[in-house]
Amino acid sequence: MTFWHSFSPLLKAILCILLSALGFALMALFMRLSGELPLAEKAIFRNAITALISGCIVWKNKERFWGMAANRPLLIARSISGLLGILCGVYIIDHLVLSDVDMIGKLTSFILIILSAIFLKEKASLLQYLLCLVAFVGAIFIIKPAFELKFIPYLIGLIGAFFAAVAYLCLRLLSKTAEVESPNTIVFFFSAFSTLILLPFVIINYIPLT
């Protein structure tokens, strides 16, 4: 831990982002390998396990499970947008090659730059805007929109990237509230919320696992 604390906050953030990217890439791989399962069933395994782990951490640290009342609207908005982003992400994992899935996921960062400039008044540099333009032009070349049936998964992926960016925007807003919410509470609230929403769909259309 002393070694970790010797890093600057920026370096810690960069390392966490890299580990997160590795984790999401492995998750996409394992979801593809899990075979033909309903969308909700794949998504609930991701969220229910996270809810269990984060719930134990919240309980151990004696933190709020459902957050502070003032922060609850943002927690709900983050949970709804995050769940929609996950469902879109799980769908395209089943319908696109994983390299295209990863490329569409990267668009979230560029969409977030635009949303942050609009809603948070965070100034973006000219270089950042140019990179956004390059990213979206690159996406068009890869997607090759022809408005036919095979274009639908790409469109759903773009919608998912947008909702993921909205979820990150809500996280930033939560960090700016008068009473800052615990990260453990934020993770648990989202995971538990998603699990409760998905559970009825899993029960109705459950397929036993091998």
Protein backbone atom coordinates (compact mmCIF):
# COMPACT_ATOMS: atom_id res chain seq x y z
CA MET A 1 0.00 0.00 0.00
CA THR A 2 2.92 2.37 0.68
CA PHE A 3 4.05 1.81 -2.91
CA TRP A 4 0.54 2.70 -4.16
CA HIS A 5 0.33 5.85 -2.00
CA SER A 6 3.61 7.06 -3.50
CA PHE A 7 1.83 7.60 -6.83
CA SER A 8 0.25 10.93 -7.71
CA PRO A 9 -3.58 11.07 -8.00
CA LEU A 10 -3.25 11.46 -11.78
CA LEU A 11 -1.06 8.36 -12.11
CA LYS A 12 -3.44 6.39 -9.88
CA ALA A 13 -6.36 7.46 -12.09
CA ILE A 14 -4.50 6.42 -15.26
CA LEU A 15 -3.63 3.00 -13.81
CA CYS A 16 -7.24 2.48 -12.69
CA ILE A 17 -8.52 3.39 -16.18
CA LEU A 18 -6.10 0.90 -17.76
CA LEU A 19 -7.16 -1.85 -15.34
CA SER A 20 -10.80 -0.99 -16.02
CA ALA A 21 -10.23 -1.29 -19.79
CA LEU A 22 -8.62 -4.71 -19.27
CA GLY A 23 -11.53 -5.79 -17.07
CA PHE A 24 -14.17 -4.70 -19.59
CA ALA A 25 -12.31 -6.43 -22.43
CA LEU A 26 -12.18 -9.69 -20.47
CA MET A 27 -15.85 -9.33 -19.52
CA ALA A 28 -16.81 -8.97 -23.20
CA LEU A 29 -14.76 -12.07 -24.05
CA PHE A 30 -16.37 -14.18 -21.32
CA MET A 31 -19.86 -12.97 -22.24
CA ARG A 32 -19.26 -14.06 -25.83
CA LEU A 33 -17.94 -17.44 -24.64
CA SER A 34 -21.00 -17.98 -22.40
CA GLY A 35 -23.06 -18.71 -25.52
CA GLU A 36 -26.72 -18.15 -26.36
CA LEU A 37 -28.35 -16.74 -23.23
CA PRO A 38 -31.05 -14.08 -22.79
CA LEU A 39 -29.85 -10.49 -22.58
CA ALA A 40 -31.18 -9.94 -19.05
CA GLU A 41 -29.63 -13.18 -17.79
CA LYS A 42 -26.16 -12.18 -18.95
CA ALA A 43 -26.53 -8.67 -17.54
CA ILE A 44 -27.82 -9.79 -14.14
CA PHE A 45 -24.78 -11.98 -13.46
CA ARG A 46 -22.56 -8.96 -13.99
CA ASN A 47 -24.62 -6.74 -11.69
CA ALA A 48 -25.77 -9.17 -8.99
CA ILE A 49 -22.23 -10.27 -8.14
CA THR A 50 -21.12 -6.63 -7.98
CA ALA A 51 -24.11 -5.83 -5.73
CA LEU A 52 -23.15 -8.66 -3.38
CA ILE A 53 -19.50 -7.62 -3.10
CA SER A 54 -20.16 -3.89 -2.82
CA GLY A 55 -23.01 -4.53 -0.35
CA CYS A 56 -20.62 -6.38 1.96
CA ILE A 57 -18.16 -3.46 1.76
CA VAL A 58 -20.90 -0.92 2.51
CA TRP A 59 -22.09 -2.99 5.48
CA LYS A 60 -18.54 -3.46 6.80
CA ASN A 61 -17.79 0.27 6.56
CA LYS A 62 -21.20 1.18 8.07
CA GLU A 63 -22.09 3.35 5.07
CA ARG A 64 -25.49 4.14 3.57
CA PHE A 65 -26.91 1.45 1.28
CA TRP A 66 -29.28 3.79 -0.58
CA GLY A 67 -27.38 7.06 -0.31
CA MET A 68 -28.38 10.43 1.05
CA ALA A 69 -31.84 11.74 0.14
CA ALA A 70 -30.42 14.79 -1.64
CA ASN A 71 -28.24 12.59 -3.86
CA ARG A 72 -30.88 9.99 -4.66
CA PRO A 73 -32.18 11.60 -7.90
CA LEU A 74 -28.64 11.57 -9.31
CA LEU A 75 -28.09 8.00 -8.09
CA ILE A 76 -31.28 6.90 -9.88
CA ALA A 77 -30.33 8.79 -13.06
CA ARG A 78 -26.87 7.20 -12.98
CA SER A 79 -28.43 3.75 -12.44
CA ILE A 80 -30.96 4.06 -15.27
CA SER A 81 -28.43 5.38 -17.79
CA GLY A 82 -25.83 2.84 -16.67
CA LEU A 83 -28.28 -0.06 -16.99
CA LEU A 84 -29.34 1.03 -20.49
CA GLY A 85 -25.67 1.31 -21.45
CA ILE A 86 -24.97 -2.18 -20.12
CA LEU A 87 -27.94 -3.74 -21.94
CA CYS A 88 -26.84 -2.14 -25.20
CA GLY A 89 -23.29 -3.32 -24.54
CA VAL A 90 -24.34 -6.92 -23.86
CA TYR A 91 -26.48 -6.90 -27.01
CA ILE A 92 -23.67 -5.80 -29.31
CA ILE A 93 -21.25 -8.29 -27.73
CA ASP A 94 -23.58 -11.02 -29.05
CA HIS A 95 -24.04 -9.44 -32.50
CA LEU A 96 -20.72 -7.80 -33.49
CA VAL A 97 -17.10 -8.82 -33.68
CA LEU A 98 -15.38 -7.92 -30.41
CA SER A 99 -12.95 -5.48 -32.05
CA ASP A 100 -15.92 -3.39 -33.25
CA VAL A 101 -17.51 -3.66 -29.79
CA ASP A 102 -14.33 -2.29 -28.24
CA MET A 103 -14.14 0.54 -30.80
CA ILE A 104 -17.73 1.63 -30.11
CA GLY A 105 -17.07 1.50 -26.37
CA LYS A 106 -14.17 3.93 -26.82
CA LEU A 107 -16.60 6.52 -28.21
CA THR A 108 -17.99 6.97 -24.68
CA SER A 109 -14.93 9.04 -23.72
CA PHE A 110 -15.39 11.41 -26.65
CA ILE A 111 -19.13 11.78 -26.06
CA LEU A 112 -18.32 12.57 -22.43
CA ILE A 113 -16.04 15.45 -23.47
CA ILE A 114 -18.98 17.03 -25.29
CA LEU A 115 -21.48 16.41 -22.46
CA SER A 116 -19.04 17.78 -19.87
CA ALA A 117 -18.58 20.96 -21.90
CA ILE A 118 -22.37 21.42 -22.18
CA PHE A 119 -23.57 20.45 -18.70
CA LEU A 120 -20.53 20.97 -16.46
CA LYS A 121 -19.07 23.95 -18.34
CA GLU A 122 -15.71 22.17 -18.37
CA LYS A 123 -13.54 23.75 -21.02
CA ALA A 124 -12.31 21.38 -23.71
CA SER A 125 -9.25 22.23 -25.78
CA LEU A 126 -9.25 22.53 -29.55
CA LEU A 127 -7.17 19.34 -29.68
CA GLN A 128 -9.84 17.46 -27.71
CA TYR A 129 -12.55 18.60 -30.13
CA LEU A 130 -10.39 17.59 -33.08
CA LEU A 131 -9.84 14.17 -31.51
CA CYS A 132 -13.62 13.84 -31.05
CA LEU A 133 -14.10 14.58 -34.75
CA VAL A 134 -11.42 12.06 -35.73
CA ALA A 135 -12.99 9.43 -33.44
CA PHE A 136 -16.45 9.82 -34.94
CA VAL A 137 -15.12 9.85 -38.52
CA GLY A 138 -13.17 6.68 -37.70
CA ALA A 139 -16.34 5.13 -36.29
CA ILE A 140 -18.22 5.92 -39.51
CA PHE A 141 -15.51 4.21 -41.58
CA ILE A 142 -15.70 1.09 -39.41
CA ILE A 143 -19.49 1.00 -39.11
CA LYS A 144 -20.11 1.89 -42.79
CA PRO A 145 -23.75 2.88 -42.16
CA ALA A 146 -25.98 1.53 -44.91
CA PHE A 147 -29.26 1.66 -42.94
CA GLU A 148 -29.92 -2.02 -43.40
CA LEU A 149 -30.47 -4.84 -40.91
CA LYS A 150 -26.78 -5.34 -40.07
CA PHE A 151 -26.51 -1.63 -39.17
CA ILE A 152 -28.93 -2.02 -36.21
CA PRO A 153 -26.35 -3.51 -33.76
CA TYR A 154 -23.97 -0.62 -34.53
CA LEU A 155 -26.75 1.91 -33.89
CA ILE A 156 -27.58 0.20 -30.59
CA GLY A 157 -23.88 0.32 -29.70
CA LEU A 158 -23.76 4.08 -30.33
CA ILE A 159 -26.86 4.54 -28.15
CA GLY A 160 -25.17 2.45 -25.45
CA ALA A 161 -22.03 4.60 -25.65
CA PHE A 162 -24.19 7.70 -25.16
CA PHE A 163 -25.94 6.26 -22.09
CA ALA A 164 -22.58 5.17 -20.64
CA ALA A 165 -21.32 8.75 -21.06
CA VAL A 166 -24.45 10.06 -19.28
CA ALA A 167 -23.73 7.63 -16.41
CA TYR A 168 -20.18 9.00 -16.10
CA LEU A 169 -21.57 12.54 -16.18
CA CYS A 170 -23.85 11.67 -13.25
CA LEU A 171 -20.83 10.30 -11.37
CA ARG A 172 -19.02 13.62 -11.83
CA LEU A 173 -22.12 15.50 -10.63
CA LEU A 174 -22.27 13.24 -7.57
CA SER A 175 -18.69 14.21 -6.74
CA LYS A 176 -19.73 17.89 -6.74
CA THR A 177 -22.74 17.62 -4.40
CA ALA A 178 -22.79 19.35 -1.01
CA GLU A 179 -22.54 15.97 0.73
CA VAL A 180 -20.33 13.72 -1.39
CA GLU A 181 -21.60 10.17 -1.68
CA SER A 182 -19.36 7.23 -0.86
CA PRO A 183 -18.03 5.40 -3.97
CA ASN A 184 -19.06 2.11 -2.32
CA THR A 185 -22.64 3.36 -1.97
CA ILE A 186 -22.71 4.51 -5.60
CA VAL A 187 -21.54 1.10 -6.85
CA PHE A 188 -23.98 -0.79 -4.62
CA PHE A 189 -26.96 1.44 -5.50
CA PHE A 190 -26.39 0.98 -9.23
CA SER A 191 -25.77 -2.77 -9.01
CA ALA A 192 -28.72 -3.44 -6.69
CA PHE A 193 -31.04 -1.19 -8.73
CA SER A 194 -30.07 -2.97 -11.97
CA THR A 195 -30.45 -6.41 -10.39
CA LEU A 196 -33.97 -5.64 -9.12
CA ILE A 197 -35.03 -4.30 -12.53
CA LEU A 198 -33.61 -7.30 -14.41
CA LEU A 199 -34.80 -10.01 -12.02
CA PRO A 200 -38.41 -10.30 -13.34
CA PHE A 201 -37.16 -10.66 -16.92
CA VAL A 202 -34.69 -13.35 -15.87
CA ILE A 203 -37.40 -15.29 -14.01
CA ILE A 204 -39.79 -15.13 -17.01
CA ASN A 205 -37.21 -16.22 -19.58
CA TYR A 206 -34.64 -18.18 -17.56
CA ILE A 207 -32.39 -20.65 -19.36
CA PRO A 208 -30.49 -23.12 -17.12
CA LEU A 209 -26.72 -22.73 -17.33
CA THR A 210 -24.33 -25.54 -18.25
